[in-house]
Amino acid sequence: MEVLKAESGSSSTLKRTLSRTNLVALGIGAVIGAGIFVLTGQAAAQYAGPAVAISFVVSAMACAFAGLCYAEFAAMIPIAGSAYTYAYATMGRIVAWIIGWALILEYLFSGATVAVGWSGYVVNFLSSTFGIDIPASFATAPISINENNELFFTGSIVNLPAVIIVLVITILLYRGIKESANFNNFVVVLKLTVIALFIIAGWFYINNDNWVPFIPENTGNFGQFGWTGIFRASAVIFFAYIGFDAVSTAAQEAKNPQKDMPWGILGSLLICTVVYILVALVMTGIAPFNELNTAAPIAVAIDKAGSGLVWLSPFIKLGAIAGLSSVILVMLMGQTRVFYSMSNDGLFFAPFSKIHEKFQTPYVATVITGVIAMIACGLLPIGILGELVSIGTLLAFMIVCLGILLLRYKHPEFERPFKTPLFPFVPIMGIVCCGGVMLFLNPIIFVICGIWILIGLGIYFFYGSKHAKY
């Protein structure tokens, strides 16, 4: 903690230029992505029906508890690093390793997930606007999962558009792309404008019959509609909220982190929850929910509305493509930052912290991140990728909540500019809610995550524990 406090006050650290408004905009920009443009329709079609709107409320509640804990940490330790840094400061090296390894799962596969969604909108846009049809064998994943949670081969070869966009962004990151604040703000405004147009214009094309029944009857299988389906969907769409914790990584660049970080985290979470609920209601109101199991559900809903919304279709698709492109960039950049940070602390292999002499970028981390993301988005369906991201995120949130509990009891003397209210209820509920949502994920995801953690622990004991600086 003393090292971190000294670092946060050092004049050699990042320049503090972000206002409260900037932080809220940063959170909105990171959150509004594949979750709203892609996973909403799939969760409605497969698990919750129109009640997917309720699923967003369930996920938001779990996020709110975790968000309050994030806010206390961000105000107390106002430096970059997010959950990985918080875990290192409060629970030690091995827990920090586990959370860092979980963040790799989150950021790496979130970039791949968004790339699959980007592919869906590009394929749809090219077909409807220019009559260019990309064969399904080169636009969908060769591996998928059926209703019995069994993997099967689809007959496709590779999701080529997804691979191409990850390749392009990896090249940009390798060479050192610099995003200006104006560009980021433009993308946020563009995404929100497109979504606002969809909500306002689409509201007049809602067919109330599509909302009946609002909670479809359970099929007899756990998690397929009914209330278990609502919770199952909340676990799947939890991916939609991963961006709000990205606000905490900007703590070292906030003008007044002690006061503004809680506003940035909770403000962006509240705004995005309202937007998600409205989009879910309009989408399932225009199109029958069982027709939304696609990589571009908003585009399907617009097409379903007929000639009345034809004018809106290209704007929605272009807005989605532009917005998703920026999210892929942020996620892959975030992943290289996690690799770099862990390597710099000695916990991960030294080459991952190497900086390119000409481009001044962590080029080894960037190349490996890009290659893994290309393999993942080219071969795996968005459902599996999205749930891998969700489990990594939920694990990170639970450890942050646990960290607040431990630190309050172990070090009550630490200065806390912002205190999580209703202690210890809030952090305990954060752990319970995130753990409860996690239980509704696909069993295959737990197997993959377990293997992932075992690999990570192997690397830690054979390398990280011997080379750690602290």
Protein backbone atom coordinates (compact mmCIF):
# COMPACT_ATOMS: atom_id res chain seq x y z
CA MET A 1 0.00 0.00 0.00
CA GLU A 2 2.81 2.42 0.83
CA VAL A 3 4.50 1.74 -2.53
CA LEU A 4 1.23 2.32 -4.36
CA LYS A 5 0.47 5.53 -2.47
CA ALA A 6 3.94 6.85 -3.25
CA GLU A 7 3.46 5.96 -6.92
CA SER A 8 0.08 7.71 -7.08
CA GLY A 9 1.63 10.91 -5.73
CA SER A 10 4.73 10.81 -7.91
CA SER A 11 5.19 13.60 -10.43
CA SER A 12 6.50 11.08 -12.95
CA THR A 13 3.19 9.23 -13.21
CA LEU A 14 0.41 9.79 -15.74
CA LYS A 15 -1.00 13.30 -16.12
CA ARG A 16 -4.27 13.92 -14.27
CA THR A 17 -6.59 15.41 -16.87
CA LEU A 18 -9.87 13.45 -16.68
CA SER A 19 -12.94 15.14 -15.19
CA ARG A 20 -16.01 13.47 -13.68
CA THR A 21 -17.80 13.80 -17.02
CA ASN A 22 -14.83 12.26 -18.84
CA LEU A 23 -14.90 9.26 -16.51
CA VAL A 24 -18.62 8.68 -17.01
CA ALA A 25 -18.14 8.96 -20.78
CA LEU A 26 -15.23 6.53 -20.58
CA GLY A 27 -17.41 4.00 -18.77
CA ILE A 28 -20.28 4.39 -21.24
CA GLY A 29 -17.89 4.08 -24.17
CA ALA A 30 -16.45 0.84 -22.81
CA VAL A 31 -19.80 -0.69 -21.81
CA ILE A 32 -21.85 0.05 -24.93
CA GLY A 33 -20.52 -2.67 -27.23
CA ALA A 34 -21.12 -6.30 -28.09
CA GLY A 35 -23.38 -6.78 -25.08
CA ILE A 36 -26.07 -4.52 -26.46
CA PHE A 37 -25.48 -5.03 -30.17
CA VAL A 38 -25.14 -8.83 -30.07
CA LEU A 39 -25.73 -10.79 -26.87
CA THR A 40 -29.09 -9.21 -25.99
CA GLY A 41 -30.83 -10.93 -28.90
CA GLN A 42 -29.17 -14.27 -28.32
CA ALA A 43 -30.02 -14.26 -24.59
CA ALA A 44 -33.65 -13.43 -25.44
CA ALA A 45 -33.89 -16.14 -28.09
CA GLN A 46 -32.28 -18.93 -26.08
CA TYR A 47 -33.04 -18.25 -22.42
CA ALA A 48 -35.33 -15.42 -21.32
CA GLY A 49 -37.58 -14.16 -24.12
CA PRO A 50 -38.77 -10.54 -23.63
CA ALA A 51 -37.89 -10.92 -19.93
CA VAL A 52 -34.25 -10.42 -20.91
CA ALA A 53 -34.99 -6.84 -19.77
CA ILE A 54 -35.31 -8.24 -16.23
CA SER A 55 -32.04 -10.12 -16.73
CA PHE A 56 -30.28 -6.78 -17.25
CA VAL A 57 -31.64 -5.58 -13.89
CA VAL A 58 -30.33 -8.74 -12.16
CA SER A 59 -26.87 -8.28 -13.70
CA ALA A 60 -26.87 -4.58 -12.87
CA MET A 61 -27.59 -5.29 -9.20
CA ALA A 62 -24.59 -7.62 -8.99
CA CYS A 63 -22.51 -4.97 -10.76
CA ALA A 64 -23.72 -2.22 -8.41
CA PHE A 65 -22.50 -4.04 -5.30
CA ALA A 66 -19.15 -4.75 -6.97
CA GLY A 67 -19.04 -1.19 -8.33
CA LEU A 68 -19.30 0.33 -4.85
CA CYS A 69 -16.35 -1.82 -3.76
CA TYR A 70 -14.40 -0.79 -6.87
CA ALA A 71 -15.15 2.85 -6.02
CA GLU A 72 -13.66 2.51 -2.52
CA PHE A 73 -10.50 0.89 -3.90
CA ALA A 74 -10.17 3.40 -6.75
CA ALA A 75 -10.43 6.34 -4.33
CA MET A 76 -8.02 4.74 -1.84
CA ILE A 77 -5.46 3.50 -4.40
CA PRO A 78 -5.79 5.98 -7.29
CA ILE A 79 -3.39 4.35 -9.76
CA ALA A 80 -3.76 2.26 -12.90
CA GLY A 81 -4.12 -1.50 -12.54
CA SER A 82 -7.72 -2.11 -11.49
CA ALA A 83 -8.53 -5.41 -9.76
CA TYR A 84 -5.02 -6.84 -10.25
CA THR A 85 -3.43 -3.95 -8.31
CA TYR A 86 -6.15 -4.00 -5.63
CA ALA A 87 -5.67 -7.74 -5.06
CA TYR A 88 -1.88 -7.34 -4.87
CA ALA A 89 -2.24 -4.59 -2.25
CA THR A 90 -4.74 -6.40 -0.05
CA MET A 91 -4.43 -10.17 -0.48
CA GLY A 92 -0.90 -10.77 -1.67
CA ARG A 93 0.92 -12.11 -4.66
CA ILE A 94 -0.80 -15.42 -5.41
CA VAL A 95 -4.30 -13.90 -5.29
CA ALA A 96 -3.05 -11.06 -7.49
CA TRP A 97 -1.77 -13.66 -9.92
CA ILE A 98 -5.12 -15.45 -10.02
CA ILE A 99 -7.02 -12.21 -10.60
CA GLY A 100 -4.52 -11.12 -13.25
CA TRP A 101 -4.93 -14.47 -14.96
CA ALA A 102 -8.73 -14.04 -14.79
CA LEU A 103 -8.40 -10.54 -16.29
CA ILE A 104 -6.45 -12.09 -19.17
CA LEU A 105 -9.44 -14.38 -19.72
CA GLU A 106 -11.74 -11.34 -19.57
CA TYR A 107 -9.90 -8.95 -21.88
CA LEU A 108 -8.47 -11.48 -24.32
CA PHE A 109 -11.76 -13.23 -25.04
CA SER A 110 -13.85 -10.06 -24.85
CA GLY A 111 -11.88 -8.74 -27.82
CA ALA A 112 -12.57 -11.99 -29.65
CA THR A 113 -16.26 -11.91 -28.68
CA VAL A 114 -16.71 -8.37 -29.96
CA ALA A 115 -14.91 -9.35 -33.17
CA VAL A 116 -17.51 -12.08 -33.78
CA GLY A 117 -20.28 -9.52 -33.27
CA TRP A 118 -18.48 -7.09 -35.60
CA SER A 119 -18.36 -9.86 -38.20
CA GLY A 120 -22.12 -10.41 -37.93
CA TYR A 121 -22.91 -6.76 -38.58
CA VAL A 122 -20.41 -6.46 -41.44
CA VAL A 123 -21.82 -9.54 -43.16
CA ASN A 124 -25.36 -8.22 -42.71
CA PHE A 125 -24.40 -4.71 -43.91
CA LEU A 126 -22.59 -5.94 -47.03
CA SER A 127 -25.49 -8.22 -47.95
CA SER A 128 -28.34 -5.75 -47.41
CA THR A 129 -26.59 -2.63 -48.75
CA PHE A 130 -24.35 -3.85 -51.57
CA GLY A 131 -25.68 -7.35 -52.29
CA ILE A 132 -22.32 -8.88 -51.36
CA ASP A 133 -22.86 -12.24 -49.69
CA ILE A 134 -20.00 -13.82 -47.75
CA PRO A 135 -20.45 -17.62 -47.68
CA ALA A 136 -21.51 -18.95 -44.28
CA SER A 137 -18.51 -21.27 -44.27
CA PHE A 138 -16.27 -18.17 -44.07
CA ALA A 139 -18.51 -16.06 -41.80
CA THR A 140 -19.37 -18.40 -38.92
CA ALA A 141 -17.42 -20.48 -36.41
CA PRO A 142 -16.65 -24.15 -37.17
CA ILE A 143 -17.37 -25.06 -33.53
CA SER A 144 -20.68 -24.43 -31.77
CA ILE A 145 -22.71 -25.68 -28.82
CA ASN A 146 -26.21 -27.22 -28.84
CA GLU A 147 -29.09 -26.98 -26.36
CA ASN A 148 -27.71 -29.98 -24.46
CA ASN A 149 -24.43 -28.13 -23.83
CA GLU A 150 -22.57 -30.38 -26.25
CA LEU A 151 -19.90 -29.10 -28.64
CA PHE A 152 -20.35 -29.93 -32.31
CA PHE A 153 -18.84 -28.99 -35.67
CA THR A 154 -20.93 -26.72 -37.91
CA GLY A 155 -19.18 -27.51 -41.18
CA SER A 156 -17.87 -23.95 -41.48
CA ILE A 157 -14.18 -23.26 -42.04
CA VAL A 158 -13.44 -20.02 -40.20
CA ASN A 159 -15.06 -16.70 -39.25
CA LEU A 160 -12.86 -14.75 -41.66
CA PRO A 161 -14.19 -11.18 -41.11
CA ALA A 162 -13.60 -11.54 -37.36
CA VAL A 163 -10.04 -12.72 -37.93
CA ILE A 164 -9.36 -9.84 -40.35
CA ILE A 165 -10.54 -7.09 -37.96
CA VAL A 166 -8.43 -8.51 -35.11
CA LEU A 167 -5.42 -8.67 -37.44
CA VAL A 168 -5.88 -5.03 -38.53
CA ILE A 169 -6.23 -3.78 -34.96
CA THR A 170 -3.25 -5.84 -33.81
CA ILE A 171 -1.13 -4.19 -36.53
CA LEU A 172 -2.35 -0.75 -35.41
CA LEU A 173 -1.53 -1.51 -31.77
CA TYR A 174 1.88 -2.87 -32.74
CA ARG A 175 2.76 0.33 -34.58
CA GLY A 176 1.47 2.51 -31.74
CA ILE A 177 -1.93 3.96 -32.52
CA LYS A 178 -2.81 7.07 -30.52
CA GLU A 179 -6.48 7.66 -29.84
CA SER A 180 -7.36 11.24 -29.09
CA ALA A 181 -10.01 12.19 -26.55
CA ASN A 182 -12.00 13.75 -29.38
CA PHE A 183 -12.13 10.46 -31.30
CA ASN A 184 -13.23 8.56 -28.21
CA ASN A 185 -15.93 11.12 -27.48
CA PHE A 186 -17.08 10.96 -31.12
CA VAL A 187 -17.47 7.17 -30.97
CA VAL A 188 -19.43 7.40 -27.71
CA VAL A 189 -21.76 10.05 -29.15
CA LEU A 190 -22.16 8.01 -32.36
CA LYS A 191 -23.07 4.84 -30.49
CA LEU A 192 -25.53 6.58 -28.17
CA THR A 193 -27.11 8.47 -31.09
CA VAL A 194 -27.62 5.27 -33.05
CA ILE A 195 -29.10 3.51 -30.03
CA ALA A 196 -31.35 6.49 -29.22
CA LEU A 197 -32.63 6.48 -32.83
CA PHE A 198 -33.39 2.76 -32.55
CA ILE A 199 -35.26 3.18 -29.24
CA ILE A 200 -37.30 6.23 -30.30
CA ALA A 201 -38.10 5.16 -33.88
CA GLY A 202 -38.50 1.50 -33.00
CA TRP A 203 -40.96 2.19 -30.18
CA PHE A 204 -43.65 3.02 -32.76
CA TYR A 205 -43.24 -0.40 -34.40
CA ILE A 206 -43.61 -2.50 -31.26
CA ASN A 207 -46.16 -5.29 -31.53
CA ASN A 208 -47.42 -5.95 -28.01
CA ASP A 209 -48.22 -9.54 -28.97
CA ASN A 210 -44.47 -10.18 -29.11
CA TRP A 211 -44.33 -9.46 -25.36
CA VAL A 212 -46.92 -12.12 -24.53
CA PRO A 213 -45.98 -14.05 -22.52
CA PHE A 214 -43.37 -11.67 -21.17
CA ILE A 215 -41.74 -14.56 -19.28
CA PRO A 216 -42.06 -17.61 -21.58
CA GLU A 217 -42.89 -20.87 -19.84
CA ASN A 218 -39.94 -23.04 -18.90
CA THR A 219 -39.32 -25.87 -21.37
CA GLY A 220 -38.61 -28.36 -18.60
CA ASN A 221 -34.86 -27.77 -18.88
CA PHE A 222 -33.01 -25.70 -16.31
CA GLY A 223 -32.18 -22.26 -17.69
CA GLN A 224 -34.45 -22.46 -20.76
CA PHE A 225 -37.06 -19.74 -20.14
CA GLY A 226 -39.11 -19.20 -17.00
CA TRP A 227 -37.30 -17.65 -14.01
CA THR A 228 -34.28 -19.93 -14.33
CA GLY A 229 -34.00 -18.67 -17.90
CA ILE A 230 -33.96 -15.06 -16.65
CA PHE A 231 -31.04 -15.83 -14.35
CA ARG A 232 -29.32 -17.89 -17.06
CA ALA A 233 -29.62 -14.90 -19.41
CA SER A 234 -28.29 -12.57 -16.71
CA ALA A 235 -25.15 -14.71 -16.52
CA VAL A 236 -24.73 -14.61 -20.31
CA ILE A 237 -25.31 -10.86 -20.69
CA PHE A 238 -23.10 -10.07 -17.72
CA PHE A 239 -20.54 -9.64 -20.49
CA ALA A 240 -22.43 -6.45 -21.38
CA TYR A 241 -21.26 -4.76 -18.18
CA ILE A 242 -17.55 -5.53 -18.24
CA GLY A 243 -16.65 -2.02 -19.36
CA PHE A 244 -17.58 -0.18 -16.17
CA ASP A 245 -14.59 -1.55 -14.27
CA ALA A 246 -12.35 -0.09 -16.98
CA VAL A 247 -13.04 3.29 -15.38
CA SER A 248 -10.95 2.21 -12.40
CA THR A 249 -7.91 1.68 -14.65
CA ALA A 250 -7.97 5.45 -15.36
CA ALA A 251 -7.69 6.39 -11.67
CA GLN A 252 -4.14 7.68 -12.14
CA GLU A 253 -5.34 10.11 -14.81
CA ALA A 254 -8.37 11.50 -12.93
CA LYS A 255 -8.19 15.10 -11.67
CA ASN A 256 -9.87 14.27 -8.37
CA PRO A 257 -10.00 10.47 -8.13
CA GLN A 258 -11.22 10.39 -4.51
CA LYS A 259 -14.44 12.18 -5.41
CA ASP A 260 -14.84 11.50 -9.12
CA MET A 261 -14.10 7.76 -9.41
CA PRO A 262 -17.33 6.69 -7.63
CA TRP A 263 -19.31 9.00 -9.93
CA GLY A 264 -17.58 7.60 -13.02
CA ILE A 265 -18.12 3.96 -12.05
CA LEU A 266 -21.68 4.15 -10.73
CA GLY A 267 -22.86 6.87 -13.13
CA SER A 268 -21.85 4.93 -16.24
CA LEU A 269 -23.37 1.75 -14.77
CA LEU A 270 -26.75 3.43 -14.13
CA ILE A 271 -26.97 5.09 -17.56
CA CYS A 272 -26.01 1.91 -19.40
CA THR A 273 -28.53 -0.21 -17.45
CA VAL A 274 -31.39 2.09 -18.47
CA VAL A 275 -30.23 2.03 -22.10
CA TYR A 276 -29.95 -1.78 -22.10
CA ILE A 277 -33.46 -2.26 -20.70
CA LEU A 278 -34.99 0.07 -23.30
CA VAL A 279 -33.12 -1.63 -26.18
CA ALA A 280 -34.18 -5.08 -24.96
CA LEU A 281 -37.85 -4.01 -24.78
CA VAL A 282 -37.84 -2.44 -28.24
CA MET A 283 -35.94 -5.32 -29.85
CA THR A 284 -38.23 -8.04 -28.47
CA GLY A 285 -41.27 -5.85 -29.15
CA ILE A 286 -40.50 -5.47 -32.86
CA ALA A 287 -39.34 -9.02 -33.59
CA PRO A 288 -40.45 -12.33 -32.01
CA PHE A 289 -37.72 -13.25 -29.55
CA ASN A 290 -37.08 -16.65 -31.17
CA GLU A 291 -35.88 -14.88 -34.35
CA LEU A 292 -33.12 -12.94 -32.57
CA ASN A 293 -30.56 -15.73 -32.23
CA THR A 294 -28.08 -14.08 -34.57
CA ALA A 295 -24.86 -12.07 -34.42
CA ALA A 296 -26.74 -8.92 -35.54
CA PRO A 297 -30.10 -8.91 -33.66
CA ILE A 298 -30.74 -5.16 -33.85
CA ALA A 299 -30.35 -5.36 -37.63
CA VAL A 300 -32.84 -8.26 -37.68
CA ALA A 301 -35.34 -6.26 -35.62
CA ILE A 302 -35.05 -3.26 -37.98
CA ASP A 303 -35.55 -5.47 -41.04
CA LYS A 304 -38.57 -7.02 -39.32
CA ALA A 305 -40.17 -3.58 -38.94
CA GLY A 306 -40.42 -3.36 -42.74
CA SER A 307 -40.30 -0.28 -44.92
CA GLY A 308 -40.93 2.12 -42.05
CA LEU A 309 -37.46 1.69 -40.62
CA VAL A 310 -35.53 1.05 -43.84
CA TRP A 311 -33.93 4.49 -43.56
CA LEU A 312 -32.53 3.61 -40.14
CA SER A 313 -30.96 0.28 -41.10
CA PRO A 314 -27.64 1.51 -42.60
CA PHE A 315 -27.11 4.00 -39.74
CA ILE A 316 -27.63 1.29 -37.11
CA LYS A 317 -25.28 -1.14 -38.85
CA LEU A 318 -22.57 1.46 -39.49
CA GLY A 319 -22.89 2.70 -35.90
CA ALA A 320 -22.56 -0.85 -34.61
CA ILE A 321 -19.54 -1.55 -36.83
CA ALA A 322 -17.77 1.67 -35.77
CA GLY A 323 -18.64 1.20 -32.12
CA LEU A 324 -17.59 -2.44 -32.01
CA SER A 325 -14.30 -1.59 -33.76
CA SER A 326 -13.38 0.83 -30.97
CA VAL A 327 -14.31 -1.72 -28.30
CA ILE A 328 -12.07 -4.38 -29.90
CA LEU A 329 -9.24 -1.85 -29.88
CA VAL A 330 -9.78 -0.97 -26.21
CA MET A 331 -10.06 -4.61 -25.11
CA LEU A 332 -6.96 -5.81 -26.96
CA MET A 333 -5.04 -2.77 -25.73
CA GLY A 334 -6.24 -3.51 -22.18
CA GLN A 335 -5.01 -7.09 -22.52
CA THR A 336 -1.52 -6.01 -23.54
CA ARG A 337 -1.55 -3.67 -20.51
CA VAL A 338 -2.36 -6.57 -18.17
CA PHE A 339 0.40 -8.69 -19.71
CA TYR A 340 2.83 -5.78 -19.46
CA SER A 341 1.91 -4.98 -15.83
CA MET A 342 2.25 -8.59 -14.67
CA SER A 343 5.52 -9.00 -16.54
CA ASN A 344 6.84 -5.73 -15.13
CA ASP A 345 6.12 -7.03 -11.61
CA GLY A 346 8.09 -10.17 -12.44
CA LEU A 347 5.05 -12.45 -12.25
CA PHE A 348 4.92 -13.15 -15.98
CA PHE A 349 7.54 -13.87 -18.64
CA ALA A 350 10.02 -11.02 -19.14
CA PRO A 351 9.55 -10.61 -22.95
CA PHE A 352 5.95 -9.44 -22.35
CA SER A 353 7.27 -6.20 -20.85
CA LYS A 354 9.66 -5.51 -23.75
CA ILE A 355 9.07 -2.18 -25.49
CA HIS A 356 9.64 -1.75 -29.23
CA GLU A 357 12.57 0.62 -29.87
CA LYS A 358 10.84 2.47 -32.72
CA PHE A 359 7.12 2.29 -31.92
CA GLN A 360 7.41 2.36 -28.10
CA THR A 361 4.76 -0.37 -27.72
CA PRO A 362 4.80 -3.69 -25.80
CA TYR A 363 5.20 -5.53 -29.10
CA VAL A 364 5.63 -9.10 -27.82
CA ALA A 365 2.46 -8.86 -25.70
CA THR A 366 0.62 -7.24 -28.62
CA VAL A 367 1.55 -9.94 -31.16
CA ILE A 368 0.71 -12.87 -28.86
CA THR A 369 -2.55 -11.24 -27.77
CA GLY A 370 -3.54 -10.73 -31.41
CA VAL A 371 -2.69 -14.28 -32.47
CA ILE A 372 -4.66 -15.88 -29.61
CA ALA A 373 -7.63 -13.55 -30.21
CA MET A 374 -7.61 -14.39 -33.94
CA ILE A 375 -7.67 -18.12 -33.23
CA ALA A 376 -10.49 -17.71 -30.70
CA CYS A 377 -12.75 -15.49 -32.82
CA GLY A 378 -12.10 -17.54 -35.95
CA LEU A 379 -13.03 -20.89 -34.42
CA LEU A 380 -15.38 -20.36 -31.45
CA PRO A 381 -19.02 -19.12 -31.38
CA ILE A 382 -19.95 -15.92 -29.60
CA GLY A 383 -21.90 -17.80 -26.91
CA ILE A 384 -18.88 -19.68 -25.57
CA LEU A 385 -16.59 -16.63 -25.89
CA GLY A 386 -19.07 -14.37 -24.09
CA GLU A 387 -19.47 -16.76 -21.17
CA LEU A 388 -15.70 -17.15 -20.82
CA VAL A 389 -15.52 -13.37 -20.46
CA SER A 390 -18.39 -13.40 -17.95
CA ILE A 391 -16.77 -15.96 -15.66
CA GLY A 392 -13.44 -14.09 -15.69
CA THR A 393 -15.22 -10.83 -14.89
CA LEU A 394 -17.38 -12.33 -12.13
CA LEU A 395 -14.31 -13.85 -10.50
CA ALA A 396 -12.56 -10.45 -10.59
CA PHE A 397 -15.60 -8.74 -9.03
CA MET A 398 -15.83 -11.31 -6.23
CA ILE A 399 -12.16 -10.85 -5.32
CA VAL A 400 -12.54 -7.06 -5.28
CA CYS A 401 -15.50 -7.37 -2.87
CA LEU A 402 -13.52 -9.80 -0.72
CA GLY A 403 -10.59 -7.37 -0.73
CA ILE A 404 -12.77 -4.60 0.72
CA LEU A 405 -13.94 -6.94 3.50
CA LEU A 406 -10.40 -8.01 4.42
CA LEU A 407 -8.90 -4.52 4.26
CA ARG A 408 -11.59 -2.95 6.46
CA TYR A 409 -10.85 -5.47 9.22
CA LYS A 410 -7.07 -5.81 8.77
CA HIS A 411 -6.26 -2.13 8.21
CA PRO A 412 -9.05 0.12 9.50
CA GLU A 413 -6.48 2.94 9.83
CA PHE A 414 -6.07 3.43 6.05
CA GLU A 415 -7.48 6.67 4.70
CA ARG A 416 -10.66 6.04 2.69
CA PRO A 417 -11.90 9.14 0.80
CA PHE A 418 -14.91 7.08 -0.33
CA LYS A 419 -16.36 4.32 1.83
CA THR A 420 -18.56 1.54 0.52
CA PRO A 421 -21.93 2.18 2.26
CA LEU A 422 -23.80 -0.36 4.39
CA PHE A 423 -20.63 -2.27 5.25
CA PRO A 424 -20.36 -5.29 5.42
CA PHE A 425 -23.70 -5.85 3.64
CA VAL A 426 -22.60 -4.44 0.26
CA PRO A 427 -19.35 -6.42 -0.23
CA ILE A 428 -20.99 -9.61 1.08
CA MET A 429 -23.91 -9.15 -1.32
CA GLY A 430 -21.41 -8.45 -4.11
CA ILE A 431 -19.77 -11.82 -3.48
CA VAL A 432 -23.13 -13.61 -3.15
CA CYS A 433 -24.71 -12.01 -6.23
CA CYS A 434 -21.69 -12.49 -8.49
CA GLY A 435 -21.29 -16.06 -7.26
CA GLY A 436 -25.00 -16.70 -7.80
CA VAL A 437 -24.91 -15.34 -11.35
CA MET A 438 -21.82 -17.46 -12.03
CA LEU A 439 -23.74 -20.64 -11.12
CA PHE A 440 -26.02 -20.11 -14.12
CA LEU A 441 -23.19 -20.23 -16.64
CA ASN A 442 -22.79 -23.20 -18.97
CA PRO A 443 -21.06 -26.14 -17.18
CA ILE A 444 -18.56 -26.35 -20.06
CA ILE A 445 -17.35 -22.86 -19.14
CA PHE A 446 -16.41 -24.03 -15.64
CA VAL A 447 -14.36 -26.85 -17.13
CA ILE A 448 -12.54 -24.47 -19.48
CA CYS A 449 -12.04 -21.94 -16.66
CA GLY A 450 -10.71 -24.66 -14.34
CA ILE A 451 -8.18 -25.75 -16.94
CA TRP A 452 -7.25 -22.09 -17.49
CA ILE A 453 -6.62 -21.52 -13.75
CA LEU A 454 -4.56 -24.73 -13.46
CA ILE A 455 -2.37 -23.58 -16.36
CA GLY A 456 -2.03 -20.18 -14.68
CA LEU A 457 -1.07 -21.68 -11.31
CA GLY A 458 1.53 -23.84 -13.07
CA ILE A 459 3.09 -20.74 -14.62
CA TYR A 460 3.00 -18.94 -11.27
CA PHE A 461 4.76 -21.67 -9.27
CA PHE A 462 7.35 -22.45 -11.94
CA TYR A 463 8.06 -18.84 -12.95
CA GLY A 464 6.14 -16.03 -11.23
CA SER A 465 6.87 -16.95 -7.62
CA LYS A 466 10.60 -17.08 -8.37
CA HIS A 467 10.84 -13.82 -10.31
CA ALA A 468 8.36 -11.56 -8.49
CA LYS A 469 9.77 -8.17 -7.45
CA TYR A 470 7.54 -7.81 -4.37
